[in-house]
């Protein structure tokens, strides 16, 4: 959450982005094997979804997740803005965490 807060310093915008992340997590949890797009290469086995921080906003946020066994849960590797405040791609950073 700290990176998201750093990227979105305005309180109202941050609150909206936090709600958008929670909603996206609920969607991913509801369909962990089909929601979003499958990733490749270093992130094979993981999925990503792109979504806006507010309705009508371009999809500037990302969630990187995978299905967790047969129980139906999810593992969340990362979420946040498409590019970190230092302009590092979220996918580059996610691949380094695996």
PDB file of N, CA and C in Angstrom:
ATOM      1  N   UNK A   1       0.818  -1.187   0.000  1.00  0.00           N
ATOM      2  CA  UNK A   1       0.000   0.000   0.000  1.00  0.00           C
ATOM      3  C   UNK A   1       0.866   1.256   0.000  1.00  0.00           C
ATOM      4  N   UNK A   2       2.068   1.150   0.541  1.00  0.00           N
ATOM      5  CA  UNK A   2       2.924   2.334   0.617  1.00  0.00           C
ATOM      6  C   UNK A   2       3.286   2.844  -0.779  1.00  0.00           C
ATOM      7  N   UNK A   3       3.596   1.935  -1.706  1.00  0.00           N
ATOM      8  CA  UNK A   3       3.914   2.367  -3.076  1.00  0.00           C
ATOM      9  C   UNK A   3       2.709   3.002  -3.747  1.00  0.00           C
ATOM     10  N   UNK A   4       1.524   2.448  -3.512  1.00  0.00           N
ATOM     11  CA  UNK A   4       0.308   3.020  -4.086  1.00  0.00           C
ATOM     12  C   UNK A   4       0.066   4.417  -3.505  1.00  0.00           C
ATOM     13  N   UNK A   5       0.276   4.555  -2.212  1.00  0.00           N
ATOM     14  CA  UNK A   5       0.102   5.850  -1.568  1.00  0.00           C
ATOM     15  C   UNK A   5       1.110   6.866  -2.107  1.00  0.00           C
ATOM     16  N   UNK A   6       2.347   6.427  -2.316  1.00  0.00           N
ATOM     17  CA  UNK A   6       3.375   7.310  -2.861  1.00  0.00           C
ATOM     18  C   UNK A   6       3.017   7.749  -4.274  1.00  0.00           C
ATOM     19  N   UNK A   7       2.473   6.823  -5.054  1.00  0.00           N
ATOM     20  CA  UNK A   7       2.103   7.130  -6.440  1.00  0.00           C
ATOM     21  C   UNK A   7       0.862   7.998  -6.526  1.00  0.00           C
ATOM     22  N   UNK A   8      -0.013   7.902  -5.526  1.00  0.00           N
ATOM     23  CA  UNK A   8      -1.282   8.646  -5.535  1.00  0.00           C
ATOM     24  C   UNK A   8      -1.391   9.416  -4.220  1.00  0.00           C
ATOM     25  N   UNK A   9      -0.765  10.582  -4.127  1.00  0.00           N
ATOM     26  CA  UNK A   9      -0.714  11.309  -2.856  1.00  0.00           C
ATOM     27  C   UNK A   9      -2.015  12.000  -2.433  1.00  0.00           C
ATOM     28  N   UNK A  10      -2.902  12.282  -3.366  1.00  0.00           N
ATOM     29  CA  UNK A  10      -4.167  12.946  -3.023  1.00  0.00           C
ATOM     30  C   UNK A  10      -5.061  11.976  -2.244  1.00  0.00           C
ATOM     31  N   UNK A  11      -5.593  12.408  -1.107  1.00  0.00           N
ATOM     32  CA  UNK A  11      -6.387  11.531  -0.240  1.00  0.00           C
ATOM     33  C   UNK A  11      -7.603  10.931  -0.944  1.00  0.00           C
ATOM     34  N   UNK A  12      -8.365  11.746  -1.661  1.00  0.00           N
ATOM     35  CA  UNK A  12      -9.565  11.244  -2.340  1.00  0.00           C
ATOM     36  C   UNK A  12      -9.202  10.255  -3.441  1.00  0.00           C
ATOM     37  N   UNK A  13      -8.169  10.554  -4.196  1.00  0.00           N
ATOM     38  CA  UNK A  13      -7.732   9.650  -5.266  1.00  0.00           C
ATOM     39  C   UNK A  13      -7.196   8.343  -4.696  1.00  0.00           C
ATOM     40  N   UNK A  14      -6.460   8.436  -3.586  1.00  0.00           N
ATOM     41  CA  UNK A  14      -5.932   7.233  -2.945  1.00  0.00           C
ATOM     42  C   UNK A  14      -7.063   6.358  -2.411  1.00  0.00           C
ATOM     43  N   UNK A  15      -8.071   6.965  -1.806  1.00  0.00           N
ATOM     44  CA  UNK A  15      -9.224   6.205  -1.300  1.00  0.00           C
ATOM     45  C   UNK A  15      -9.935   5.489  -2.440  1.00  0.00           C
ATOM     46  N   UNK A  16     -10.108   6.174  -3.563  1.00  0.00           N
ATOM     47  CA  UNK A  16     -10.752   5.550  -4.726  1.00  0.00           C
ATOM     48  C   UNK A  16      -9.896   4.404  -5.266  1.00  0.00           C
ATOM     49  N   UNK A  17      -8.580   4.588  -5.327  1.00  0.00           N
ATOM     50  CA  UNK A  17      -7.688   3.541  -5.817  1.00  0.00           C
ATOM     51  C   UNK A  17      -7.697   2.333  -4.893  1.00  0.00           C
ATOM     52  N   UNK A  18      -7.744   2.577  -3.587  1.00  0.00           N
ATOM     53  CA  UNK A  18      -7.804   1.476  -2.617  1.00  0.00           C
ATOM     54  C   UNK A  18      -9.083   0.666  -2.803  1.00  0.00           C
ATOM     55  N   UNK A  19     -10.197   1.351  -3.010  1.00  0.00           N
ATOM     56  CA  UNK A  19     -11.463   0.665  -3.268  1.00  0.00           C
ATOM     57  C   UNK A  19     -11.402  -0.119  -4.584  1.00  0.00           C
ATOM     58  N   UNK A  20     -10.775   0.457  -5.599  1.00  0.00           N
ATOM     59  CA  UNK A  20     -10.643  -0.234  -6.886  1.00  0.00           C
ATOM     60  C   UNK A  20      -9.809  -1.503  -6.740  1.00  0.00           C
ATOM     61  N   UNK A  21      -8.740  -1.444  -5.946  1.00  0.00           N
ATOM     62  CA  UNK A  21      -7.912  -2.634  -5.705  1.00  0.00           C
ATOM     63  C   UNK A  21      -8.739  -3.702  -4.995  1.00  0.00           C
ATOM     64  N   UNK A  22      -9.507  -3.316  -3.988  1.00  0.00           N
ATOM     65  CA  UNK A  22     -10.353  -4.277  -3.263  1.00  0.00           C
ATOM     66  C   UNK A  22     -11.366  -4.928  -4.199  1.00  0.00           C
ATOM     67  N   UNK A  23     -11.982  -4.144  -5.064  1.00  0.00           N
ATOM     68  CA  UNK A  23     -12.941  -4.706  -6.025  1.00  0.00           C
ATOM     69  C   UNK A  23     -12.253  -5.668  -6.989  1.00  0.00           C
ATOM     70  N   UNK A  24     -11.053  -5.299  -7.442  1.00  0.00           N
ATOM     71  CA  UNK A  24     -10.330  -6.168  -8.380  1.00  0.00           C
ATOM     72  C   UNK A  24      -9.913  -7.473  -7.708  1.00  0.00           C
ATOM     73  N   UNK A  25      -9.518  -7.399  -6.446  1.00  0.00           N
ATOM     74  CA  UNK A  25      -9.191  -8.615  -5.695  1.00  0.00           C
ATOM     75  C   UNK A  25     -10.407  -9.535  -5.602  1.00  0.00           C
ATOM     76  N   UNK A  26     -11.586  -8.958  -5.392  1.00  0.00           N
ATOM     77  CA  UNK A  26     -12.815  -9.754  -5.316  1.00  0.00           C
ATOM     78  C   UNK A  26     -13.095 -10.443  -6.651  1.00  0.00           C
ATOM     79  N   UNK A  27     -12.897  -9.730  -7.762  1.00  0.00           N
ATOM     80  CA  UNK A  27     -13.086 -10.344  -9.088  1.00  0.00           C
ATOM     81  C   UNK A  27     -12.096 -11.484  -9.298  1.00  0.00           C
ATOM     82  N   UNK A  28     -10.840 -11.244  -8.968  1.00  0.00           N
ATOM     83  CA  UNK A  28      -9.805 -12.275  -9.145  1.00  0.00           C
ATOM     84  C   UNK A  28     -10.095 -13.485  -8.266  1.00  0.00           C
ATOM     85  N   UNK A  29     -10.547 -13.253  -7.053  1.00  0.00           N
ATOM     86  CA  UNK A  29     -10.875 -14.346  -6.145  1.00  0.00           C
ATOM     87  C   UNK A  29     -12.060 -15.159  -6.662  1.00  0.00           C
ATOM     88  N   UNK A  30     -12.994 -14.498  -7.321  1.00  0.00           N
ATOM     89  CA  UNK A  30     -14.172 -15.179  -7.855  1.00  0.00           C
ATOM     90  C   UNK A  30     -13.886 -16.054  -9.067  1.00  0.00           C
ATOM     91  N   UNK A  31     -12.856 -15.733  -9.824  1.00  0.00           N
ATOM     92  CA  UNK A  31     -12.511 -16.500 -11.032  1.00  0.00           C
ATOM     93  C   UNK A  31     -10.999 -16.511 -11.221  1.00  0.00           C
ATOM     94  N   UNK A  32     -10.251 -17.133 -10.299  1.00  0.00           N
ATOM     95  CA  UNK A  32      -8.797 -17.014 -10.314  1.00  0.00           C
ATOM     96  C   UNK A  32      -8.095 -17.633 -11.520  1.00  0.00           C
ATOM     97  N   UNK A  33      -8.742 -18.530 -12.205  1.00  0.00           N
ATOM     98  CA  UNK A  33      -8.106 -19.177 -13.362  1.00  0.00           C
ATOM     99  C   UNK A  33      -8.481 -18.528 -14.695  1.00  0.00           C
ATOM    100  N   UNK A  34      -9.463 -17.629 -14.674  1.00  0.00           N
ATOM    101  CA  UNK A  34      -9.908 -17.023 -15.922  1.00  0.00           C
ATOM    102  C   UNK A  34      -9.896 -15.497 -15.908  1.00  0.00           C
ATOM    103  N   UNK A  35      -9.876 -14.877 -14.744  1.00  0.00           N
ATOM    104  CA  UNK A  35      -9.893 -13.422 -14.684  1.00  0.00           C
ATOM    105  C   UNK A  35      -8.555 -12.863 -15.162  1.00  0.00           C
ATOM    106  N   UNK A  36      -8.594 -11.802 -15.898  1.00  0.00           N
ATOM    107  CA  UNK A  36      -7.369 -11.157 -16.351  1.00  0.00           C
ATOM    108  C   UNK A  36      -6.717 -11.883 -17.512  1.00  0.00           C
ATOM    109  N   UNK A  37      -5.435 -11.687 -17.649  1.00  0.00           N
ATOM    110  CA  UNK A  37      -4.649 -12.217 -18.767  1.00  0.00           C
ATOM    111  C   UNK A  37      -3.480 -13.016 -18.228  1.00  0.00           C
ATOM    112  N   UNK A  38      -3.231 -14.179 -18.823  1.00  0.00           N
ATOM    113  CA  UNK A  38      -2.089 -14.998 -18.421  1.00  0.00           C
ATOM    114  C   UNK A  38      -0.789 -14.290 -18.788  1.00  0.00           C
ATOM    115  N   UNK A  39       0.180 -14.356 -17.892  1.00  0.00           N
ATOM    116  CA  UNK A  39       1.493 -13.770 -18.145  1.00  0.00           C
ATOM    117  C   UNK A  39       2.447 -14.843 -18.639  1.00  0.00           C
ATOM    118  N   UNK A  40       3.538 -14.431 -19.236  1.00  0.00           N
ATOM    119  CA  UNK A  40       4.502 -15.354 -19.837  1.00  0.00           C
ATOM    120  C   UNK A  40       5.896 -15.122 -19.258  1.00  0.00           C
ATOM    121  N   UNK A  41       6.826 -15.917 -19.750  1.00  0.00           N
ATOM    122  CA  UNK A  41       8.248 -15.807 -19.430  1.00  0.00           C
ATOM    123  C   UNK A  41       8.474 -15.952 -17.927  1.00  0.00           C
ATOM    124  N   UNK A  42       9.126 -14.995 -17.301  1.00  0.00           N
ATOM    125  CA  UNK A  42       9.450 -15.108 -15.870  1.00  0.00           C
ATOM    126  C   UNK A  42       8.216 -15.139 -14.973  1.00  0.00           C
ATOM    127  N   UNK A  43       7.072 -14.733 -15.506  1.00  0.00           N
ATOM    128  CA  UNK A  43       5.839 -14.709 -14.714  1.00  0.00           C
ATOM    129  C   UNK A  43       4.838 -15.765 -15.189  1.00  0.00           C
ATOM    130  N   UNK A  44       5.313 -16.789 -15.841  1.00  0.00           N
ATOM    131  CA  UNK A  44       4.448 -17.878 -16.276  1.00  0.00           C
ATOM    132  C   UNK A  44       3.746 -18.486 -15.061  1.00  0.00           C
ATOM    133  N   UNK A  45       2.452 -18.722 -15.200  1.00  0.00           N
ATOM    134  CA  UNK A  45       1.656 -19.241 -14.095  1.00  0.00           C
ATOM    135  C   UNK A  45       0.910 -18.148 -13.339  1.00  0.00           C
ATOM    136  N   UNK A  46       1.316 -16.916 -13.546  1.00  0.00           N
ATOM    137  CA  UNK A  46       0.656 -15.767 -12.919  1.00  0.00           C
ATOM    138  C   UNK A  46      -0.276 -15.113 -13.926  1.00  0.00           C
ATOM    139  N   UNK A  47      -1.228 -14.366 -13.446  1.00  0.00           N
ATOM    140  CA  UNK A  47      -2.166 -13.614 -14.283  1.00  0.00           C
ATOM    141  C   UNK A  47      -2.099 -12.151 -13.900  1.00  0.00           C
ATOM    142  N   UNK A  48      -2.550 -11.303 -14.782  1.00  0.00           N
ATOM    143  CA  UNK A  48      -2.612  -9.886 -14.467  1.00  0.00           C
ATOM    144  C   UNK A  48      -3.949  -9.334 -14.905  1.00  0.00           C
ATOM    145  N   UNK A  49      -4.405  -8.355 -14.171  1.00  0.00           N
ATOM    146  CA  UNK A  49      -5.593  -7.626 -14.593  1.00  0.00           C
ATOM    147  C   UNK A  49      -5.258  -6.145 -14.551  1.00  0.00           C
ATOM    148  N   UNK A  50      -5.864  -5.419 -15.477  1.00  0.00           N
ATOM    149  CA  UNK A  50      -5.662  -3.974 -15.579  1.00  0.00           C
ATOM    150  C   UNK A  50      -6.991  -3.300 -15.273  1.00  0.00           C
ATOM    151  N   UNK A  51      -6.950  -2.252 -14.470  1.00  0.00           N
ATOM    152  CA  UNK A  51      -8.182  -1.583 -14.069  1.00  0.00           C
ATOM    153  C   UNK A  51      -7.889  -0.139 -13.683  1.00  0.00           C
ATOM    154  N   UNK A  52      -8.918   0.670 -13.740  1.00  0.00           N
ATOM    155  CA  UNK A  52      -8.780   2.083 -13.396  1.00  0.00           C
ATOM    156  C   UNK A  52      -9.025   2.324 -11.920  1.00  0.00           C
ATOM    157  N   UNK A  53      -8.451   3.395 -11.422  1.00  0.00           N
ATOM    158  CA  UNK A  53      -8.623   3.736 -10.011  1.00  0.00           C
ATOM    159  C   UNK A  53      -9.996   4.341  -9.718  1.00  0.00           C
ATOM    160  N   UNK A  54     -10.679   4.752 -10.773  1.00  0.00           N
ATOM    161  CA  UNK A  54     -12.045   5.289 -10.668  1.00  0.00           C
ATOM    162  C   UNK A  54     -12.804   4.858 -11.920  1.00  0.00           C
ATOM    163  N   UNK A  55     -14.122   4.772 -11.853  1.00  0.00           N
ATOM    164  CA  UNK A  55     -14.893   4.470 -13.069  1.00  0.00           C
ATOM    165  C   UNK A  55     -14.606   5.505 -14.159  1.00  0.00           C
ATOM    166  N   UNK A  56     -14.419   5.031 -15.372  1.00  0.00           N
ATOM    167  CA  UNK A  56     -14.174   5.912 -16.504  1.00  0.00           C
ATOM    168  C   UNK A  56     -12.723   6.326 -16.681  1.00  0.00           C
ATOM    169  N   UNK A  57     -11.848   5.920 -15.776  1.00  0.00           N
ATOM    170  CA  UNK A  57     -10.420   6.245 -15.865  1.00  0.00           C
ATOM    171  C   UNK A  57      -9.717   5.127 -16.632  1.00  0.00           C
ATOM    172  N   UNK A  58      -8.736   5.485 -17.459  1.00  0.00           N
ATOM    173  CA  UNK A  58      -7.936   4.466 -18.137  1.00  0.00           C
ATOM    174  C   UNK A  58      -7.332   3.514 -17.107  1.00  0.00           C
ATOM    175  N   UNK A  59      -7.101   2.304 -17.538  1.00  0.00           N
ATOM    176  CA  UNK A  59      -6.596   1.260 -16.642  1.00  0.00           C
ATOM    177  C   UNK A  59      -5.126   1.504 -16.305  1.00  0.00           C
ATOM    178  N   UNK A  60      -4.899   2.306 -15.268  1.00  0.00           N
ATOM    179  CA  UNK A  60      -3.537   2.617 -14.875  1.00  0.00           C
ATOM    180  C   UNK A  60      -3.047   1.749 -13.716  1.00  0.00           C
ATOM    181  N   UNK A  61      -3.919   0.922 -13.157  1.00  0.00           N
ATOM    182  CA  UNK A  61      -3.545   0.034 -12.061  1.00  0.00           C
ATOM    183  C   UNK A  61      -3.443  -1.407 -12.546  1.00  0.00           C
ATOM    184  N   UNK A  62      -2.624  -2.186 -11.865  1.00  0.00           N
ATOM    185  CA  UNK A  62      -2.423  -3.591 -12.212  1.00  0.00           C
ATOM    186  C   UNK A  62      -2.475  -4.452 -10.961  1.00  0.00           C
ATOM    187  N   UNK A  63      -2.941  -5.691 -11.144  1.00  0.00           N
ATOM    188  CA  UNK A  63      -2.928  -6.719 -10.110  1.00  0.00           C
ATOM    189  C   UNK A  63      -2.255  -7.939 -10.715  1.00  0.00           C
ATOM    190  N   UNK A  64      -1.251  -8.484 -10.053  1.00  0.00           N
ATOM    191  CA  UNK A  64      -0.559  -9.694 -10.506  1.00  0.00           C
ATOM    192  C   UNK A  64      -0.873 -10.774  -9.471  1.00  0.00           C
ATOM    193  N   UNK A  65      -1.503 -11.866  -9.920  1.00  0.00           N
ATOM    194  CA  UNK A  65      -1.992 -12.900  -9.008  1.00  0.00           C
ATOM    195  C   UNK A  65      -1.973 -14.263  -9.692  1.00  0.00           C
ATOM    196  N   UNK A  66      -2.207 -15.316  -8.914  1.00  0.00           N
ATOM    197  CA  UNK A  66      -2.374 -16.661  -9.467  1.00  0.00           C
ATOM    198  C   UNK A  66      -3.336 -17.442  -8.585  1.00  0.00           C
ATOM    199  N   UNK A  67      -3.939 -18.451  -9.193  1.00  0.00           N
ATOM    200  CA  UNK A  67      -4.839 -19.329  -8.446  1.00  0.00           C
ATOM    201  C   UNK A  67      -4.022 -20.102  -7.416  1.00  0.00           C
ATOM    202  N   UNK A  68      -4.621 -20.347  -6.273  1.00  0.00           N
ATOM    203  CA  UNK A  68      -3.944 -21.042  -5.184  1.00  0.00           C
ATOM    204  C   UNK A  68      -4.544 -22.426  -5.006  1.00  0.00           C
ATOM    205  N   UNK A  69      -3.923 -23.410  -5.596  1.00  0.00           N
ATOM    206  CA  UNK A  69      -4.376 -24.787  -5.446  1.00  0.00           C
ATOM    207  C   UNK A  69      -5.822 -24.981  -5.859  1.00  0.00           C
ATOM    208  N   UNK A  70      -6.441 -26.003  -5.320  1.00  0.00           N
ATOM    209  CA  UNK A  70      -7.830 -26.320  -5.635  1.00  0.00           C
ATOM    210  C   UNK A  70      -8.817 -25.638  -4.694  1.00  0.00           C
ATOM    211  N   UNK A  71      -8.311 -24.987  -3.657  1.00  0.00           N
ATOM    212  CA  UNK A  71      -9.180 -24.374  -2.650  1.00  0.00           C
ATOM    213  C   UNK A  71      -9.909 -23.139  -3.183  1.00  0.00           C
ATOM    214  N   UNK A  72      -9.425 -22.581  -4.292  1.00  0.00           N
ATOM    215  CA  UNK A  72     -10.097 -21.439  -4.890  1.00  0.00           C
ATOM    216  C   UNK A  72      -9.572 -20.090  -4.451  1.00  0.00           C
ATOM    217  N   UNK A  73      -8.549 -20.045  -3.646  1.00  0.00           N
ATOM    218  CA  UNK A  73      -7.967 -18.779  -3.217  1.00  0.00           C
ATOM    219  C   UNK A  73      -7.006 -18.230  -4.268  1.00  0.00           C
ATOM    220  N   UNK A  74      -6.368 -17.117  -3.948  1.00  0.00           N
ATOM    221  CA  UNK A  74      -5.377 -16.531  -4.837  1.00  0.00           C
ATOM    222  C   UNK A  74      -4.133 -16.135  -4.052  1.00  0.00           C
ATOM    223  N   UNK A  75      -3.002 -16.157  -4.746  1.00  0.00           N
ATOM    224  CA  UNK A  75      -1.763 -15.568  -4.255  1.00  0.00           C
ATOM    225  C   UNK A  75      -1.617 -14.240  -4.980  1.00  0.00           C
ATOM    226  N   UNK A  76      -1.349 -13.177  -4.254  1.00  0.00           N
ATOM    227  CA  UNK A  76      -1.134 -11.867  -4.855  1.00  0.00           C
ATOM    228  C   UNK A  76       0.351 -11.562  -4.791  1.00  0.00           C
ATOM    229  N   UNK A  77       0.940 -11.365  -5.958  1.00  0.00           N
ATOM    230  CA  UNK A  77       2.360 -11.034  -6.022  1.00  0.00           C
ATOM    231  C   UNK A  77       2.565  -9.529  -5.893  1.00  0.00           C
ATOM    232  N   UNK A  78       1.744  -8.756  -6.608  1.00  0.00           N
ATOM    233  CA  UNK A  78       1.861  -7.297  -6.575  1.00  0.00           C
ATOM    234  C   UNK A  78       0.554  -6.653  -7.003  1.00  0.00           C
ATOM    235  N   UNK A  79       0.377  -5.430  -6.596  1.00  0.00           N
ATOM    236  CA  UNK A  79      -0.664  -4.572  -7.154  1.00  0.00           C
ATOM    237  C   UNK A  79      -0.159  -3.153  -7.070  1.00  0.00           C
ATOM    238  N   UNK A  80      -0.665  -2.314  -7.929  1.00  0.00           N
ATOM    239  CA  UNK A  80      -0.263  -0.910  -7.902  1.00  0.00           C
ATOM    240  C   UNK A  80      -0.363  -0.286  -9.273  1.00  0.00           C
ATOM    241  N   UNK A  81       0.298   0.839  -9.422  1.00  0.00           N
ATOM    242  CA  UNK A  81       0.264   1.531 -10.702  1.00  0.00           C
ATOM    243  C   UNK A  81       1.082   0.761 -11.727  1.00  0.00           C
ATOM    244  N   UNK A  82       0.735   0.954 -12.991  1.00  0.00           N
ATOM    245  CA  UNK A  82       1.425   0.237 -14.063  1.00  0.00           C
ATOM    246  C   UNK A  82       2.934   0.455 -13.973  1.00  0.00           C
ATOM    247  N   UNK A  83       3.312   1.667 -13.720  1.00  0.00           N
ATOM    248  CA  UNK A  83       4.723   1.992 -13.508  1.00  0.00           C
ATOM    249  C   UNK A  83       4.875   2.521 -12.097  1.00  0.00           C
ATOM    250  N   UNK A  84       5.887   2.054 -11.402  1.00  0.00           N
ATOM    251  CA  UNK A  84       6.170   2.567 -10.075  1.00  0.00           C
ATOM    252  C   UNK A  84       6.570   4.032 -10.190  1.00  0.00           C
ATOM    253  N   UNK A  85       6.526   4.753  -9.092  1.00  0.00           N
ATOM    254  CA  UNK A  85       6.903   6.165  -9.154  1.00  0.00           C
ATOM    255  C   UNK A  85       8.284   6.401  -9.773  1.00  0.00           C
ATOM    256  N   UNK A  86       9.170   5.411  -9.688  1.00  0.00           N
ATOM    257  CA  UNK A  86      10.492   5.554 -10.302  1.00  0.00           C
ATOM    258  C   UNK A  86      10.498   5.089 -11.764  1.00  0.00           C
ATOM    259  N   UNK A  87       9.309   4.841 -12.339  1.00  0.00           N
ATOM    260  CA  UNK A  87       9.060   4.412 -13.722  1.00  0.00           C
ATOM    261  C   UNK A  87       9.451   2.965 -14.007  1.00  0.00           C
ATOM    262  N   UNK A  88       9.787   2.193 -12.977  1.00  0.00           N
ATOM    263  CA  UNK A  88      10.058   0.773 -13.174  1.00  0.00           C
ATOM    264  C   UNK A  88       8.739   0.058 -13.439  1.00  0.00           C
ATOM    265  N   UNK A  89       8.694  -0.775 -14.450  1.00  0.00           N
ATOM    266  CA  UNK A  89       7.490  -1.525 -14.771  1.00  0.00           C
ATOM    267  C   UNK A  89       7.110  -2.457 -13.625  1.00  0.00           C
ATOM    268  N   UNK A  90       5.835  -2.542 -13.339  1.00  0.00           N
ATOM    269  CA  UNK A  90       5.361  -3.443 -12.285  1.00  0.00           C
ATOM    270  C   UNK A  90       5.706  -4.900 -12.628  1.00  0.00           C
ATOM    271  N   UNK A  91       5.723  -5.252 -13.906  1.00  0.00           N
ATOM    272  CA  UNK A  91       6.032  -6.624 -14.301  1.00  0.00           C
ATOM    273  C   UNK A  91       7.506  -6.948 -14.077  1.00  0.00           C
ATOM    274  N   UNK A  92       8.376  -5.998 -14.326  1.00  0.00           N
ATOM    275  CA  UNK A  92       9.803  -6.186 -14.073  1.00  0.00           C
ATOM    276  C   UNK A  92      10.026  -6.420 -12.578  1.00  0.00           C
ATOM    277  N   UNK A  93       9.403  -5.608 -11.762  1.00  0.00           N
ATOM    278  CA  UNK A  93       9.533  -5.736 -10.317  1.00  0.00           C
ATOM    279  C   UNK A  93       8.916  -7.047  -9.833  1.00  0.00           C
ATOM    280  N   UNK A  94       7.758  -7.420 -10.372  1.00  0.00           N
ATOM    281  CA  UNK A  94       7.095  -8.676  -9.986  1.00  0.00           C
ATOM    282  C   UNK A  94       7.971  -9.883 -10.326  1.00  0.00           C
ATOM    283  N   UNK A  95       8.588  -9.887 -11.498  1.00  0.00           N
ATOM    284  CA  UNK A  95       9.435 -11.002 -11.907  1.00  0.00           C
ATOM    285  C   UNK A  95      10.628 -11.156 -10.960  1.00  0.00           C
ATOM    286  N   UNK A  96      11.114 -10.072 -10.444  1.00  0.00           N
ATOM    287  CA  UNK A  96      12.239 -10.127  -9.505  1.00  0.00           C
ATOM    288  C   UNK A  96      11.814 -10.674  -8.152  1.00  0.00           C
ATOM    289  N   UNK A  97      10.516 -10.664  -7.851  1.00  0.00           N
ATOM    290  CA  UNK A  97      10.022 -11.178  -6.564  1.00  0.00           C
ATOM    291  C   UNK A  97       9.751 -12.671  -6.587  1.00  0.00           C
ATOM    292  N   UNK A  98       9.683 -13.273  -7.776  1.00  0.00           N
ATOM    293  CA  UNK A  98       9.369 -14.706  -7.830  1.00  0.00           C
ATOM    294  C   UNK A  98      10.571 -15.561  -7.568  1.00  0.00           C
TER     295      UNK A  98
END
